[in-house]
Amino acid sequence: MRRAAITIEGPRADVVRRALEPESGQEFPKARVRLSGGRRRLTIRIDAEDTSSLRAAVNSYLRWADVAARVGEEAER
């Protein structure tokens, strides 16, 4: 089993968490994703069967988190 934990801190952590919650409930091929945290901190925990699956899940969640944070920033303007 391969594991990764990504922590995002800052004022948009809650926005990112709410955006990613629907995705974390879906089955990701060969990987399980859990989200935890509060208003200013989000931890994304990924457990995967192999390195390729872990890499794919990490890349996807980092991309989605980046998009959510950027949208949140634009919405504040």
PDB file of N, CA and C in Angstrom:
ATOM      1  N   MET A   1       0.845  -1.176   0.000  1.00  0.00           N
ATOM      2  CA  MET A   1       0.000   0.000   0.000  1.00  0.00           C
ATOM      3  C   MET A   1       0.891   1.239   0.000  1.00  0.00           C
ATOM      4  N   ARG A   2       0.583   2.169  -0.862  1.00  0.00           N
ATOM      5  CA  ARG A   2       1.300   3.449  -0.940  1.00  0.00           C
ATOM      6  C   ARG A   2       0.415   4.525  -0.330  1.00  0.00           C
ATOM      7  N   ARG A   3       1.040   5.505   0.336  1.00  0.00           N
ATOM      8  CA  ARG A   3       0.266   6.550   1.012  1.00  0.00           C
ATOM      9  C   ARG A   3       0.863   7.919   0.765  1.00  0.00           C
ATOM     10  N   ALA A   4      -0.032   8.916   0.753  1.00  0.00           N
ATOM     11  CA  ALA A   4       0.400  10.313   0.666  1.00  0.00           C
ATOM     12  C   ALA A   4      -0.561  11.146   1.491  1.00  0.00           C
ATOM     13  N   ALA A   5      -0.030  12.214   2.070  1.00  0.00           N
ATOM     14  CA  ALA A   5      -0.854  13.177   2.795  1.00  0.00           C
ATOM     15  C   ALA A   5      -0.461  14.566   2.317  1.00  0.00           C
ATOM     16  N   ILE A   6      -1.446  15.343   1.933  1.00  0.00           N
ATOM     17  CA  ILE A   6      -1.230  16.701   1.444  1.00  0.00           C
ATOM     18  C   ILE A   6      -1.992  17.631   2.373  1.00  0.00           C
ATOM     19  N   THR A   7      -1.314  18.646   2.898  1.00  0.00           N
ATOM     20  CA  THR A   7      -1.969  19.607   3.777  1.00  0.00           C
ATOM     21  C   THR A   7      -1.984  20.971   3.103  1.00  0.00           C
ATOM     22  N   ILE A   8      -3.166  21.571   3.087  1.00  0.00           N
ATOM     23  CA  ILE A   8      -3.355  22.905   2.518  1.00  0.00           C
ATOM     24  C   ILE A   8      -3.818  23.803   3.649  1.00  0.00           C
ATOM     25  N   GLU A   9      -3.096  24.899   3.845  1.00  0.00           N
ATOM     26  CA  GLU A   9      -3.459  25.839   4.903  1.00  0.00           C
ATOM     27  C   GLU A   9      -3.703  27.214   4.300  1.00  0.00           C
ATOM     28  N   GLY A  10      -4.630  27.953   4.890  1.00  0.00           N
ATOM     29  CA  GLY A  10      -4.885  29.315   4.445  1.00  0.00           C
ATOM     30  C   GLY A  10      -6.364  29.618   4.408  1.00  0.00           C
ATOM     31  N   PRO A  11      -6.691  30.832   4.009  1.00  0.00           N
ATOM     32  CA  PRO A  11      -8.083  31.276   4.050  1.00  0.00           C
ATOM     33  C   PRO A  11      -9.012  30.538   3.086  1.00  0.00           C
ATOM     34  N   ARG A  12      -8.468  29.894   2.070  1.00  0.00           N
ATOM     35  CA  ARG A  12      -9.320  29.194   1.099  1.00  0.00           C
ATOM     36  C   ARG A  12      -9.374  27.681   1.319  1.00  0.00           C
ATOM     37  N   ALA A  13      -8.793  27.194   2.389  1.00  0.00           N
ATOM     38  CA  ALA A  13      -8.781  25.752   2.657  1.00  0.00           C
ATOM     39  C   ALA A  13     -10.197  25.191   2.752  1.00  0.00           C
ATOM     40  N   ASP A  14     -11.109  25.933   3.371  1.00  0.00           N
ATOM     41  CA  ASP A  14     -12.489  25.461   3.502  1.00  0.00           C
ATOM     42  C   ASP A  14     -13.189  25.413   2.147  1.00  0.00           C
ATOM     43  N   VAL A  15     -12.922  26.401   1.290  1.00  0.00           N
ATOM     44  CA  VAL A  15     -13.499  26.418  -0.062  1.00  0.00           C
ATOM     45  C   VAL A  15     -13.012  25.201  -0.840  1.00  0.00           C
ATOM     46  N   VAL A  16     -11.735  24.918  -0.739  1.00  0.00           N
ATOM     47  CA  VAL A  16     -11.158  23.767  -1.439  1.00  0.00           C
ATOM     48  C   VAL A  16     -11.761  22.473  -0.898  1.00  0.00           C
ATOM     49  N   ARG A  17     -11.887  22.360   0.423  1.00  0.00           N
ATOM     50  CA  ARG A  17     -12.467  21.152   1.024  1.00  0.00           C
ATOM     51  C   ARG A  17     -13.883  20.916   0.512  1.00  0.00           C
ATOM     52  N   ARG A  18     -14.706  21.971   0.520  1.00  0.00           N
ATOM     53  CA  ARG A  18     -16.090  21.812   0.060  1.00  0.00           C
ATOM     54  C   ARG A  18     -16.153  21.449  -1.420  1.00  0.00           C
ATOM     55  N   ALA A  19     -15.221  21.957  -2.207  1.00  0.00           N
ATOM     56  CA  ALA A  19     -15.193  21.627  -3.633  1.00  0.00           C
ATOM     57  C   ALA A  19     -14.755  20.185  -3.875  1.00  0.00           C
ATOM     58  N   LEU A  20     -13.861  19.677  -3.037  1.00  0.00           N
ATOM     59  CA  LEU A  20     -13.330  18.323  -3.237  1.00  0.00           C
ATOM     60  C   LEU A  20     -14.169  17.226  -2.584  1.00  0.00           C
ATOM     61  N   GLU A  21     -15.023  17.578  -1.643  1.00  0.00           N
ATOM     62  CA  GLU A  21     -15.808  16.551  -0.933  1.00  0.00           C
ATOM     63  C   GLU A  21     -16.578  15.617  -1.863  1.00  0.00           C
ATOM     64  N   PRO A  22     -17.278  16.126  -2.888  1.00  0.00           N
ATOM     65  CA  PRO A  22     -17.991  15.184  -3.772  1.00  0.00           C
ATOM     66  C   PRO A  22     -17.052  14.204  -4.467  1.00  0.00           C
ATOM     67  N   GLU A  23     -15.864  14.654  -4.824  1.00  0.00           N
ATOM     68  CA  GLU A  23     -14.895  13.772  -5.477  1.00  0.00           C
ATOM     69  C   GLU A  23     -14.361  12.711  -4.527  1.00  0.00           C
ATOM     70  N   SER A  24     -14.179  13.069  -3.265  1.00  0.00           N
ATOM     71  CA  SER A  24     -13.613  12.107  -2.314  1.00  0.00           C
ATOM     72  C   SER A  24     -14.577  10.964  -2.026  1.00  0.00           C
ATOM     73  N   GLY A  25     -15.850  11.165  -2.269  1.00  0.00           N
ATOM     74  CA  GLY A  25     -16.834  10.107  -2.064  1.00  0.00           C
ATOM     75  C   GLY A  25     -16.921   9.132  -3.225  1.00  0.00           C
ATOM     76  N   GLN A  26     -16.308   9.486  -4.348  1.00  0.00           N
ATOM     77  CA  GLN A  26     -16.338   8.639  -5.538  1.00  0.00           C
ATOM     78  C   GLN A  26     -15.192   7.632  -5.501  1.00  0.00           C
ATOM     79  N   GLU A  27     -15.391   6.534  -6.169  1.00  0.00           N
ATOM     80  CA  GLU A  27     -14.327   5.532  -6.276  1.00  0.00           C
ATOM     81  C   GLU A  27     -13.266   6.028  -7.255  1.00  0.00           C
ATOM     82  N   PHE A  28     -12.045   6.056  -6.819  1.00  0.00           N
ATOM     83  CA  PHE A  28     -10.909   6.393  -7.669  1.00  0.00           C
ATOM     84  C   PHE A  28     -10.231   5.057  -7.950  1.00  0.00           C
ATOM     85  N   PRO A  29      -9.877   4.766  -9.198  1.00  0.00           N
ATOM     86  CA  PRO A  29      -9.288   3.457  -9.493  1.00  0.00           C
ATOM     87  C   PRO A  29      -8.088   3.130  -8.592  1.00  0.00           C
ATOM     88  N   LYS A  30      -8.212   2.067  -7.835  1.00  0.00           N
ATOM     89  CA  LYS A  30      -7.143   1.540  -6.980  1.00  0.00           C
ATOM     90  C   LYS A  30      -6.680   2.497  -5.885  1.00  0.00           C
ATOM     91  N   ALA A  31      -7.529   3.469  -5.512  1.00  0.00           N
ATOM     92  CA  ALA A  31      -7.126   4.430  -4.483  1.00  0.00           C
ATOM     93  C   ALA A  31      -8.321   4.832  -3.625  1.00  0.00           C
ATOM     94  N   ARG A  32      -8.018   5.180  -2.382  1.00  0.00           N
ATOM     95  CA  ARG A  32      -9.036   5.676  -1.453  1.00  0.00           C
ATOM     96  C   ARG A  32      -8.581   7.042  -0.961  1.00  0.00           C
ATOM     97  N   VAL A  33      -9.513   8.004  -0.954  1.00  0.00           N
ATOM     98  CA  VAL A  33      -9.177   9.370  -0.570  1.00  0.00           C
ATOM     99  C   VAL A  33     -10.059   9.802   0.588  1.00  0.00           C
ATOM    100  N   ARG A  34      -9.428  10.426   1.595  1.00  0.00           N
ATOM    101  CA  ARG A  34     -10.158  10.963   2.747  1.00  0.00           C
ATOM    102  C   ARG A  34      -9.745  12.409   2.962  1.00  0.00           C
ATOM    103  N   LEU A  35     -10.722  13.239   3.276  1.00  0.00           N
ATOM    104  CA  LEU A  35     -10.473  14.647   3.562  1.00  0.00           C
ATOM    105  C   LEU A  35     -10.751  14.910   5.028  1.00  0.00           C
ATOM    106  N   SER A  36      -9.948  15.772   5.631  1.00  0.00           N
ATOM    107  CA  SER A  36     -10.202  16.183   7.011  1.00  0.00           C
ATOM    108  C   SER A  36      -9.668  17.595   7.193  1.00  0.00           C
ATOM    109  N   GLY A  37     -10.123  18.245   8.243  1.00  0.00           N
ATOM    110  CA  GLY A  37      -9.619  19.576   8.537  1.00  0.00           C
ATOM    111  C   GLY A  37     -10.716  20.534   8.935  1.00  0.00           C
ATOM    112  N   GLY A  38     -10.323  21.776   9.104  1.00  0.00           N
ATOM    113  CA  GLY A  38     -11.242  22.824   9.526  1.00  0.00           C
ATOM    114  C   GLY A  38     -11.297  23.948   8.516  1.00  0.00           C
ATOM    115  N   ARG A  39     -11.582  25.152   9.018  1.00  0.00           N
ATOM    116  CA  ARG A  39     -11.765  26.293   8.126  1.00  0.00           C
ATOM    117  C   ARG A  39     -10.489  26.724   7.418  1.00  0.00           C
ATOM    118  N   ARG A  40      -9.368  26.669   8.087  1.00  0.00           N
ATOM    119  CA  ARG A  40      -8.123  27.171   7.503  1.00  0.00           C
ATOM    120  C   ARG A  40      -7.097  26.068   7.221  1.00  0.00           C
ATOM    121  N   ARG A  41      -7.530  24.821   7.350  1.00  0.00           N
ATOM    122  CA  ARG A  41      -6.596  23.714   7.119  1.00  0.00           C
ATOM    123  C   ARG A  41      -7.340  22.523   6.522  1.00  0.00           C
ATOM    124  N   LEU A  42      -6.767  21.943   5.482  1.00  0.00           N
ATOM    125  CA  LEU A  42      -7.330  20.767   4.830  1.00  0.00           C
ATOM    126  C   LEU A  42      -6.219  19.741   4.676  1.00  0.00           C
ATOM    127  N   THR A  43      -6.521  18.503   5.045  1.00  0.00           N
ATOM    128  CA  THR A  43      -5.582  17.409   4.811  1.00  0.00           C
ATOM    129  C   THR A  43      -6.247  16.403   3.886  1.00  0.00           C
ATOM    130  N   ILE A  44      -5.556  16.078   2.810  1.00  0.00           N
ATOM    131  CA  ILE A  44      -6.013  15.085   1.837  1.00  0.00           C
ATOM    132  C   ILE A  44      -5.142  13.855   2.043  1.00  0.00           C
ATOM    133  N   ARG A  45      -5.763  12.745   2.422  1.00  0.00           N
ATOM    134  CA  ARG A  45      -5.021  11.493   2.629  1.00  0.00           C
ATOM    135  C   ARG A  45      -5.392  10.519   1.515  1.00  0.00           C
ATOM    136  N   ILE A  46      -4.381   9.986   0.875  1.00  0.00           N
ATOM    137  CA  ILE A  46      -4.595   9.076  -0.245  1.00  0.00           C
ATOM    138  C   ILE A  46      -3.875   7.770   0.042  1.00  0.00           C
ATOM    139  N   ASP A  47      -4.613   6.667  -0.031  1.00  0.00           N
ATOM    140  CA  ASP A  47      -4.053   5.320   0.057  1.00  0.00           C
ATOM    141  C   ASP A  47      -4.280   4.663  -1.300  1.00  0.00           C
ATOM    142  N   ALA A  48      -3.229   4.106  -1.881  1.00  0.00           N
ATOM    143  CA  ALA A  48      -3.344   3.503  -3.205  1.00  0.00           C
ATOM    144  C   ALA A  48      -2.668   2.140  -3.236  1.00  0.00           C
ATOM    145  N   GLU A  49      -3.127   1.319  -4.156  1.00  0.00           N
ATOM    146  CA  GLU A  49      -2.583  -0.033  -4.294  1.00  0.00           C
ATOM    147  C   GLU A  49      -1.162  -0.042  -4.833  1.00  0.00           C
ATOM    148  N   ASP A  50      -0.841   0.933  -5.695  1.00  0.00           N
ATOM    149  CA  ASP A  50       0.491   0.965  -6.296  1.00  0.00           C
ATOM    150  C   ASP A  50       0.917   2.407  -6.551  1.00  0.00           C
ATOM    151  N   THR A  51       2.173   2.565  -6.939  1.00  0.00           N
ATOM    152  CA  THR A  51       2.739   3.897  -7.131  1.00  0.00           C
ATOM    153  C   THR A  51       2.043   4.662  -8.253  1.00  0.00           C
ATOM    154  N   SER A  52       1.714   3.998  -9.340  1.00  0.00           N
ATOM    155  CA  SER A  52       1.044   4.672 -10.459  1.00  0.00           C
ATOM    156  C   SER A  52      -0.315   5.219 -10.050  1.00  0.00           C
ATOM    157  N   SER A  53      -1.065   4.445  -9.294  1.00  0.00           N
ATOM    158  CA  SER A  53      -2.380   4.891  -8.826  1.00  0.00           C
ATOM    159  C   SER A  53      -2.247   6.048  -7.843  1.00  0.00           C
ATOM    160  N   LEU A  54      -1.236   5.981  -6.987  1.00  0.00           N
ATOM    161  CA  LEU A  54      -0.996   7.073  -6.041  1.00  0.00           C
ATOM    162  C   LEU A  54      -0.655   8.357  -6.789  1.00  0.00           C
ATOM    163  N   ARG A  55       0.236   8.254  -7.756  1.00  0.00           N
ATOM    164  CA  ARG A  55       0.622   9.427  -8.542  1.00  0.00           C
ATOM    165  C   ARG A  55      -0.576  10.033  -9.257  1.00  0.00           C
ATOM    166  N   ALA A  56      -1.409   9.196  -9.855  1.00  0.00           N
ATOM    167  CA  ALA A  56      -2.588   9.690 -10.565  1.00  0.00           C
ATOM    168  C   ALA A  56      -3.548  10.405  -9.617  1.00  0.00           C
ATOM    169  N   ALA A  57      -3.782   9.826  -8.455  1.00  0.00           N
ATOM    170  CA  ALA A  57      -4.692  10.441  -7.488  1.00  0.00           C
ATOM    171  C   ALA A  57      -4.126  11.753  -6.949  1.00  0.00           C
ATOM    172  N   VAL A  58      -2.837  11.764  -6.617  1.00  0.00           N
ATOM    173  CA  VAL A  58      -2.207  12.995  -6.114  1.00  0.00           C
ATOM    174  C   VAL A  58      -2.288  14.092  -7.170  1.00  0.00           C
ATOM    175  N   ASN A  59      -1.940  13.783  -8.403  1.00  0.00           N
ATOM    176  CA  ASN A  59      -2.003  14.783  -9.472  1.00  0.00           C
ATOM    177  C   ASN A  59      -3.417  15.315  -9.656  1.00  0.00           C
ATOM    178  N   SER A  60      -4.400  14.437  -9.656  1.00  0.00           N
ATOM    179  CA  SER A  60      -5.787  14.873  -9.833  1.00  0.00           C
ATOM    180  C   SER A  60      -6.233  15.784  -8.702  1.00  0.00           C
ATOM    181  N   TYR A  61      -5.989  15.371  -7.470  1.00  0.00           N
ATOM    182  CA  TYR A  61      -6.443  16.176  -6.328  1.00  0.00           C
ATOM    183  C   TYR A  61      -5.702  17.506  -6.231  1.00  0.00           C
ATOM    184  N   LEU A  62      -4.426  17.532  -6.564  1.00  0.00           N
ATOM    185  CA  LEU A  62      -3.699  18.806  -6.563  1.00  0.00           C
ATOM    186  C   LEU A  62      -4.251  19.745  -7.630  1.00  0.00           C
ATOM    187  N   ARG A  63      -4.553  19.222  -8.809  1.00  0.00           N
ATOM    188  CA  ARG A  63      -5.141  20.050  -9.867  1.00  0.00           C
ATOM    189  C   ARG A  63      -6.499  20.587  -9.450  1.00  0.00           C
ATOM    190  N   TRP A  64      -7.355  19.703  -8.914  1.00  0.00           N
ATOM    191  CA  TRP A  64      -8.690  20.136  -8.488  1.00  0.00           C
ATOM    192  C   TRP A  64      -8.600  21.163  -7.365  1.00  0.00           C
ATOM    193  N   ALA A  65      -7.677  20.970  -6.438  1.00  0.00           N
ATOM    194  CA  ALA A  65      -7.503  21.925  -5.331  1.00  0.00           C
ATOM    195  C   ALA A  65      -7.054  23.281  -5.867  1.00  0.00           C
ATOM    196  N   ASP A  66      -6.148  23.271  -6.826  1.00  0.00           N
ATOM    197  CA  ASP A  66      -5.675  24.521  -7.420  1.00  0.00           C
ATOM    198  C   ASP A  66      -6.818  25.262  -8.107  1.00  0.00           C
ATOM    199  N   VAL A  67      -7.614  24.551  -8.876  1.00  0.00           N
ATOM    200  CA  VAL A  67      -8.755  25.175  -9.561  1.00  0.00           C
ATOM    201  C   VAL A  67      -9.735  25.750  -8.545  1.00  0.00           C
ATOM    202  N   ALA A  68     -10.055  24.993  -7.512  1.00  0.00           N
ATOM    203  CA  ALA A  68     -11.003  25.464  -6.492  1.00  0.00           C
ATOM    204  C   ALA A  68     -10.479  26.716  -5.795  1.00  0.00           C
ATOM    205  N   ALA A  69      -9.199  26.744  -5.475  1.00  0.00           N
ATOM    206  CA  ALA A  69      -8.614  27.914  -4.810  1.00  0.00           C
ATOM    207  C   ALA A  69      -8.644  29.130  -5.730  1.00  0.00           C
ATOM    208  N   ARG A  70      -8.353  28.939  -6.997  1.00  0.00           N
ATOM    209  CA  ARG A  70      -8.376  30.057  -7.952  1.00  0.00           C
ATOM    210  C   ARG A  70      -9.788  30.590  -8.151  1.00  0.00           C
ATOM    211  N   VAL A  71     -10.754  29.699  -8.246  1.00  0.00           N
ATOM    212  CA  VAL A  71     -12.148  30.130  -8.387  1.00  0.00           C
ATOM    213  C   VAL A  71     -12.582  30.889  -7.134  1.00  0.00           C
ATOM    214  N   GLY A  72     -12.206  30.384  -5.964  1.00  0.00           N
ATOM    215  CA  GLY A  72     -12.525  31.075  -4.717  1.00  0.00           C
ATOM    216  C   GLY A  72     -11.918  32.464  -4.670  1.00  0.00           C
ATOM    217  N   GLU A  73     -10.693  32.586  -5.162  1.00  0.00           N
ATOM    218  CA  GLU A  73     -10.019  33.888  -5.200  1.00  0.00           C
ATOM    219  C   GLU A  73     -10.746  34.846  -6.138  1.00  0.00           C
ATOM    220  N   GLU A  74     -11.129  34.363  -7.311  1.00  0.00           N
ATOM    221  CA  GLU A  74     -11.851  35.207  -8.268  1.00  0.00           C
ATOM    222  C   GLU A  74     -13.219  35.617  -7.727  1.00  0.00           C
ATOM    223  N   ALA A  75     -13.872  34.719  -7.022  1.00  0.00           N
ATOM    224  CA  ALA A  75     -15.199  35.022  -6.467  1.00  0.00           C
ATOM    225  C   ALA A  75     -15.125  36.117  -5.407  1.00  0.00           C
ATOM    226  N   GLU A  76     -13.988  36.232  -4.744  1.00  0.00           N
ATOM    227  CA  GLU A  76     -13.818  37.258  -3.713  1.00  0.00           C
ATOM    228  C   GLU A  76     -13.587  38.642  -4.301  1.00  0.00           C
ATOM    229  N   ARG A  77     -13.217  38.719  -5.549  1.00  0.00           N
ATOM    230  CA  ARG A  77     -12.923  40.023  -6.179  1.00  0.00           C
ATOM    231  C   ARG A  77     -14.171  40.788  -6.474  1.00  0.00           C
TER     232      ARG A  77
END
